Amino acid sequence: METTQVAGDRRYYFVAGQSVELWEDPEQPFGWGPEEMAAYAANGRWSLLFNALVLSSLLDPRTDD
């Protein structure tokens, strides 16, 4: 999976050759690291936790993306 940062609060991810647009709240950016996932669980933000788990499972652990 590749990602391209675009000005503003939009990001485009390329999954299996398809462009997928992700919008996020600039006040609370989305993350999928261990700290962000723990915060989502602690705050009952289950949809964000699920999305973070799915994204983290798709990323190649050998890269910084």
PDB file of N, CA and C in Angstrom:
ATOM      1  N   MET A   1       0.851  -1.167   0.000  1.00  0.00           N
ATOM      2  CA  MET A   1       0.000   0.000   0.000  1.00  0.00           C
ATOM      3  C   MET A   1       0.895   1.228   0.000  1.00  0.00           C
ATOM      4  N   GLU A   2       0.579   2.177  -0.884  1.00  0.00           N
ATOM      5  CA  GLU A   2       1.302   3.436  -0.960  1.00  0.00           C
ATOM      6  C   GLU A   2       0.384   4.545  -0.483  1.00  0.00           C
ATOM      7  N   THR A   3       0.987   5.636  -0.037  1.00  0.00           N
ATOM      8  CA  THR A   3       0.186   6.790   0.382  1.00  0.00           C
ATOM      9  C   THR A   3       0.757   8.045  -0.240  1.00  0.00           C
ATOM     10  N   THR A   4      -0.098   8.994  -0.526  1.00  0.00           N
ATOM     11  CA  THR A   4       0.295  10.282  -1.058  1.00  0.00           C
ATOM     12  C   THR A   4      -0.371  11.351  -0.220  1.00  0.00           C
ATOM     13  N   GLN A   5       0.425  12.278   0.319  1.00  0.00           N
ATOM     14  CA  GLN A   5      -0.124  13.373   1.118  1.00  0.00           C
ATOM     15  C   GLN A   5      -0.555  14.483   0.177  1.00  0.00           C
ATOM     16  N   VAL A   6      -1.730  14.999   0.400  1.00  0.00           N
ATOM     17  CA  VAL A   6      -2.269  16.103  -0.386  1.00  0.00           C
ATOM     18  C   VAL A   6      -2.523  17.252   0.567  1.00  0.00           C
ATOM     19  N   ALA A   7      -2.375  18.487   0.073  1.00  0.00           N
ATOM     20  CA  ALA A   7      -2.624  19.654   0.923  1.00  0.00           C
ATOM     21  C   ALA A   7      -4.004  19.573   1.558  1.00  0.00           C
ATOM     22  N   GLY A   8      -4.102  19.995   2.799  1.00  0.00           N
ATOM     23  CA  GLY A   8      -5.374  19.934   3.513  1.00  0.00           C
ATOM     24  C   GLY A   8      -5.470  18.680   4.344  1.00  0.00           C
ATOM     25  N   ASP A   9      -6.693  18.207   4.517  1.00  0.00           N
ATOM     26  CA  ASP A   9      -6.902  17.059   5.381  1.00  0.00           C
ATOM     27  C   ASP A   9      -7.313  15.822   4.586  1.00  0.00           C
ATOM     28  N   ARG A  10      -6.876  15.726   3.349  1.00  0.00           N
ATOM     29  CA  ARG A  10      -7.174  14.567   2.509  1.00  0.00           C
ATOM     30  C   ARG A  10      -5.894  13.787   2.251  1.00  0.00           C
ATOM     31  N   ARG A  11      -6.033  12.479   2.228  1.00  0.00           N
ATOM     32  CA  ARG A  11      -4.928  11.604   1.833  1.00  0.00           C
ATOM     33  C   ARG A  11      -5.473  10.596   0.848  1.00  0.00           C
ATOM     34  N   TYR A  12      -4.633  10.221  -0.086  1.00  0.00           N
ATOM     35  CA  TYR A  12      -5.003   9.194  -1.046  1.00  0.00           C
ATOM     36  C   TYR A  12      -4.090   8.000  -0.826  1.00  0.00           C
ATOM     37  N   TYR A  13      -4.694   6.862  -0.633  1.00  0.00           N
ATOM     38  CA  TYR A  13      -3.962   5.617  -0.474  1.00  0.00           C
ATOM     39  C   TYR A  13      -4.206   4.793  -1.726  1.00  0.00           C
ATOM     40  N   PHE A  14      -3.193   4.101  -2.161  1.00  0.00           N
ATOM     41  CA  PHE A  14      -3.324   3.233  -3.320  1.00  0.00           C
ATOM     42  C   PHE A  14      -3.298   1.795  -2.835  1.00  0.00           C
ATOM     43  N   VAL A  15      -4.429   1.139  -2.991  1.00  0.00           N
ATOM     44  CA  VAL A  15      -4.596  -0.235  -2.543  1.00  0.00           C
ATOM     45  C   VAL A  15      -4.932  -1.063  -3.768  1.00  0.00           C
ATOM     46  N   ALA A  16      -4.075  -2.044  -4.069  1.00  0.00           N
ATOM     47  CA  ALA A  16      -4.278  -2.906  -5.235  1.00  0.00           C
ATOM     48  C   ALA A  16      -4.494  -2.076  -6.495  1.00  0.00           C
ATOM     49  N   GLY A  17      -3.735  -0.993  -6.640  1.00  0.00           N
ATOM     50  CA  GLY A  17      -3.814  -0.161  -7.824  1.00  0.00           C
ATOM     51  C   GLY A  17      -4.973   0.811  -7.862  1.00  0.00           C
ATOM     52  N   GLN A  18      -5.823   0.811  -6.848  1.00  0.00           N
ATOM     53  CA  GLN A  18      -6.975   1.709  -6.799  1.00  0.00           C
ATOM     54  C   GLN A  18      -6.698   2.852  -5.821  1.00  0.00           C
ATOM     55  N   SER A  19      -7.056   4.061  -6.206  1.00  0.00           N
ATOM     56  CA  SER A  19      -6.910   5.214  -5.332  1.00  0.00           C
ATOM     57  C   SER A  19      -8.068   5.244  -4.347  1.00  0.00           C
ATOM     58  N   VAL A  20      -7.752   5.324  -3.050  1.00  0.00           N
ATOM     59  CA  VAL A  20      -8.766   5.397  -1.998  1.00  0.00           C
ATOM     60  C   VAL A  20      -8.531   6.702  -1.253  1.00  0.00           C
ATOM     61  N   GLU A  21      -9.565   7.526  -1.148  1.00  0.00           N
ATOM     62  CA  GLU A  21      -9.461   8.816  -0.485  1.00  0.00           C
ATOM     63  C   GLU A  21      -9.834   8.689   0.987  1.00  0.00           C
ATOM     64  N   LEU A  22      -8.997   9.229   1.862  1.00  0.00           N
ATOM     65  CA  LEU A  22      -9.260   9.217   3.301  1.00  0.00           C
ATOM     66  C   LEU A  22      -9.284  10.656   3.794  1.00  0.00           C
ATOM     67  N   TRP A  23     -10.378  11.038   4.425  1.00  0.00           N
ATOM     68  CA  TRP A  23     -10.506  12.354   5.045  1.00  0.00           C
ATOM     69  C   TRP A  23     -10.282  12.175   6.534  1.00  0.00           C
ATOM     70  N   GLU A  24      -9.637  13.148   7.140  1.00  0.00           N
ATOM     71  CA  GLU A  24      -9.462  13.075   8.586  1.00  0.00           C
ATOM     72  C   GLU A  24      -9.644  14.447   9.213  1.00  0.00           C
ATOM     73  N   ASP A  25      -9.971  14.439  10.476  1.00  0.00           N
ATOM     74  CA  ASP A  25     -10.157  15.660  11.248  1.00  0.00           C
ATOM     75  C   ASP A  25      -8.786  16.259  11.546  1.00  0.00           C
ATOM     76  N   PRO A  26      -8.505  17.477  11.064  1.00  0.00           N
ATOM     77  CA  PRO A  26      -7.178  18.063  11.311  1.00  0.00           C
ATOM     78  C   PRO A  26      -6.901  18.312  12.789  1.00  0.00           C
ATOM     79  N   GLU A  27      -7.967  18.418  13.604  1.00  0.00           N
ATOM     80  CA  GLU A  27      -7.794  18.617  15.041  1.00  0.00           C
ATOM     81  C   GLU A  27      -7.399  17.318  15.749  1.00  0.00           C
ATOM     82  N   GLN A  28      -7.804  16.178  15.194  1.00  0.00           N
ATOM     83  CA  GLN A  28      -7.511  14.873  15.779  1.00  0.00           C
ATOM     84  C   GLN A  28      -7.105  13.912  14.659  1.00  0.00           C
ATOM     85  N   PRO A  29      -5.863  14.018  14.186  1.00  0.00           N
ATOM     86  CA  PRO A  29      -5.447  13.167  13.075  1.00  0.00           C
ATOM     87  C   PRO A  29      -5.508  11.680  13.437  1.00  0.00           C
ATOM     88  N   PHE A  30      -5.834  10.881  12.443  1.00  0.00           N
ATOM     89  CA  PHE A  30      -5.947   9.442  12.620  1.00  0.00           C
ATOM     90  C   PHE A  30      -4.558   8.815  12.615  1.00  0.00           C
ATOM     91  N   GLY A  31      -4.332   7.869  13.504  1.00  0.00           N
ATOM     92  CA  GLY A  31      -3.073   7.132  13.536  1.00  0.00           C
ATOM     93  C   GLY A  31      -3.341   5.673  13.809  1.00  0.00           C
ATOM     94  N   TRP A  32      -2.379   4.821  13.475  1.00  0.00           N
ATOM     95  CA  TRP A  32      -2.567   3.392  13.698  1.00  0.00           C
ATOM     96  C   TRP A  32      -1.399   2.780  14.457  1.00  0.00           C
ATOM     97  N   GLY A  33      -0.704   3.613  15.210  1.00  0.00           N
ATOM     98  CA  GLY A  33       0.364   3.110  16.056  1.00  0.00           C
ATOM     99  C   GLY A  33      -0.204   2.580  17.369  1.00  0.00           C
ATOM    100  N   PRO A  34       0.639   1.921  18.158  1.00  0.00           N
ATOM    101  CA  PRO A  34       0.174   1.349  19.428  1.00  0.00           C
ATOM    102  C   PRO A  34      -0.454   2.369  20.373  1.00  0.00           C
ATOM    103  N   GLU A  35       0.103   3.577  20.437  1.00  0.00           N
ATOM    104  CA  GLU A  35      -0.446   4.590  21.336  1.00  0.00           C
ATOM    105  C   GLU A  35      -1.830   5.031  20.891  1.00  0.00           C
ATOM    106  N   GLU A  36      -1.984   5.244  19.568  1.00  0.00           N
ATOM    107  CA  GLU A  36      -3.290   5.662  19.060  1.00  0.00           C
ATOM    108  C   GLU A  36      -4.332   4.573  19.275  1.00  0.00           C
ATOM    109  N   MET A  37      -3.972   3.320  19.022  1.00  0.00           N
ATOM    110  CA  MET A  37      -4.921   2.223  19.198  1.00  0.00           C
ATOM    111  C   MET A  37      -5.332   2.079  20.671  1.00  0.00           C
ATOM    112  N   ALA A  38      -4.383   2.249  21.583  1.00  0.00           N
ATOM    113  CA  ALA A  38      -4.712   2.180  23.010  1.00  0.00           C
ATOM    114  C   ALA A  38      -5.673   3.307  23.394  1.00  0.00           C
ATOM    115  N   ALA A  39      -5.463   4.503  22.834  1.00  0.00           N
ATOM    116  CA  ALA A  39      -6.350   5.633  23.133  1.00  0.00           C
ATOM    117  C   ALA A  39      -7.745   5.389  22.567  1.00  0.00           C
ATOM    118  N   TYR A  40      -7.841   4.845  21.353  1.00  0.00           N
ATOM    119  CA  TYR A  40      -9.160   4.545  20.776  1.00  0.00           C
ATOM    120  C   TYR A  40      -9.912   3.553  21.671  1.00  0.00           C
ATOM    121  N   ALA A  41      -9.224   2.521  22.135  1.00  0.00           N
ATOM    122  CA  ALA A  41      -9.868   1.518  22.989  1.00  0.00           C
ATOM    123  C   ALA A  41     -10.280   2.137  24.328  1.00  0.00           C
ATOM    124  N   ALA A  42      -9.403   2.931  24.921  1.00  0.00           N
ATOM    125  CA  ALA A  42      -9.700   3.544  26.218  1.00  0.00           C
ATOM    126  C   ALA A  42     -10.891   4.496  26.141  1.00  0.00           C
ATOM    127  N   ASN A  43     -11.084   5.122  24.971  1.00  0.00           N
ATOM    128  CA  ASN A  43     -12.174   6.087  24.794  1.00  0.00           C
ATOM    129  C   ASN A  43     -13.403   5.485  24.129  1.00  0.00           C
ATOM    130  N   GLY A  44     -13.392   4.174  23.893  1.00  0.00           N
ATOM    131  CA  GLY A  44     -14.545   3.526  23.271  1.00  0.00           C
ATOM    132  C   GLY A  44     -14.758   3.909  21.824  1.00  0.00           C
ATOM    133  N   ARG A  45     -13.703   4.302  21.135  1.00  0.00           N
ATOM    134  CA  ARG A  45     -13.793   4.692  19.722  1.00  0.00           C
ATOM    135  C   ARG A  45     -13.574   3.449  18.866  1.00  0.00           C
ATOM    136  N   TRP A  46     -14.558   2.545  18.874  1.00  0.00           N
ATOM    137  CA  TRP A  46     -14.400   1.211  18.302  1.00  0.00           C
ATOM    138  C   TRP A  46     -14.201   1.224  16.793  1.00  0.00           C
ATOM    139  N   SER A  47     -14.877   2.118  16.077  1.00  0.00           N
ATOM    140  CA  SER A  47     -14.694   2.148  14.625  1.00  0.00           C
ATOM    141  C   SER A  47     -13.283   2.611  14.265  1.00  0.00           C
ATOM    142  N   LEU A  48     -12.747   3.581  15.023  1.00  0.00           N
ATOM    143  CA  LEU A  48     -11.374   4.021  14.770  1.00  0.00           C
ATOM    144  C   LEU A  48     -10.379   2.916  15.122  1.00  0.00           C
ATOM    145  N   LEU A  49     -10.639   2.189  16.204  1.00  0.00           N
ATOM    146  CA  LEU A  49      -9.763   1.082  16.583  1.00  0.00           C
ATOM    147  C   LEU A  49      -9.772   0.008  15.507  1.00  0.00           C
ATOM    148  N   PHE A  50     -10.956  -0.342  15.008  1.00  0.00           N
ATOM    149  CA  PHE A  50     -11.054  -1.347  13.954  1.00  0.00           C
ATOM    150  C   PHE A  50     -10.286  -0.894  12.716  1.00  0.00           C
ATOM    151  N   ASN A  51     -10.492   0.361  12.289  1.00  0.00           N
ATOM    152  CA  ASN A  51      -9.783   0.874  11.110  1.00  0.00           C
ATOM    153  C   ASN A  51      -8.269   0.848  11.316  1.00  0.00           C
ATOM    154  N   ALA A  52      -7.813   1.216  12.511  1.00  0.00           N
ATOM    155  CA  ALA A  52      -6.380   1.203  12.803  1.00  0.00           C
ATOM    156  C   ALA A  52      -5.822  -0.222  12.763  1.00  0.00           C
ATOM    157  N   LEU A  53      -6.576  -1.175  13.301  1.00  0.00           N
ATOM    158  CA  LEU A  53      -6.128  -2.572  13.270  1.00  0.00           C
ATOM    159  C   LEU A  53      -6.022  -3.083  11.841  1.00  0.00           C
ATOM    160  N   VAL A  54      -7.005  -2.763  11.015  1.00  0.00           N
ATOM    161  CA  VAL A  54      -6.981  -3.209   9.621  1.00  0.00           C
ATOM    162  C   VAL A  54      -5.802  -2.578   8.888  1.00  0.00           C
ATOM    163  N   LEU A  55      -5.629  -1.265   9.027  1.00  0.00           N
ATOM    164  CA  LEU A  55      -4.507  -0.607   8.347  1.00  0.00           C
ATOM    165  C   LEU A  55      -3.164  -1.139   8.822  1.00  0.00           C
ATOM    166  N   SER A  56      -3.010  -1.333  10.120  1.00  0.00           N
ATOM    167  CA  SER A  56      -1.724  -1.815  10.627  1.00  0.00           C
ATOM    168  C   SER A  56      -1.424  -3.225  10.136  1.00  0.00           C
ATOM    169  N   SER A  57      -2.462  -4.017   9.888  1.00  0.00           N
ATOM    170  CA  SER A  57      -2.229  -5.376   9.389  1.00  0.00           C
ATOM    171  C   SER A  57      -1.835  -5.373   7.918  1.00  0.00           C
ATOM    172  N   LEU A  58      -2.175  -4.305   7.183  1.00  0.00           N
ATOM    173  CA  LEU A  58      -1.867  -4.238   5.754  1.00  0.00           C
ATOM    174  C   LEU A  58      -0.506  -3.632   5.462  1.00  0.00           C
ATOM    175  N   LEU A  59       0.044  -2.903   6.422  1.00  0.00           N
ATOM    176  CA  LEU A  59       1.322  -2.228   6.194  1.00  0.00           C
ATOM    177  C   LEU A  59       2.479  -3.209   6.287  1.00  0.00           C
ATOM    178  N   ASP A  60       3.466  -2.956   5.475  1.00  0.00           N
ATOM    179  CA  ASP A  60       4.678  -3.774   5.480  1.00  0.00           C
ATOM    180  C   ASP A  60       5.535  -3.331   6.668  1.00  0.00           C
ATOM    181  N   PRO A  61       5.792  -4.216   7.645  1.00  0.00           N
ATOM    182  CA  PRO A  61       6.564  -3.813   8.833  1.00  0.00           C
ATOM    183  C   PRO A  61       8.007  -3.430   8.518  1.00  0.00           C
ATOM    184  N   ARG A  62       8.477  -3.710   7.318  1.00  0.00           N
ATOM    185  CA  ARG A  62       9.855  -3.353   6.942  1.00  0.00           C
ATOM    186  C   ARG A  62       9.979  -1.935   6.460  1.00  0.00           C
ATOM    187  N   THR A  63       8.848  -1.189   6.352  1.00  0.00           N
ATOM    188  CA  THR A  63       8.886   0.195   5.899  1.00  0.00           C
ATOM    189  C   THR A  63       8.388   1.107   7.003  1.00  0.00           C
ATOM    190  N   ASP A  64       8.604   2.410   6.815  1.00  0.00           N
ATOM    191  CA  ASP A  64       8.151   3.410   7.791  1.00  0.00           C
ATOM    192  C   ASP A  64       6.752   3.909   7.481  1.00  0.00           C
ATOM    193  N   ASP A  65       6.115   3.454   6.400  1.00  0.00           N
ATOM    194  CA  ASP A  65       4.781   3.942   6.011  1.00  0.00           C
ATOM    195  C   ASP A  65       3.710   3.452   6.934  1.00  0.00           C
TER     196      ASP A  65
END
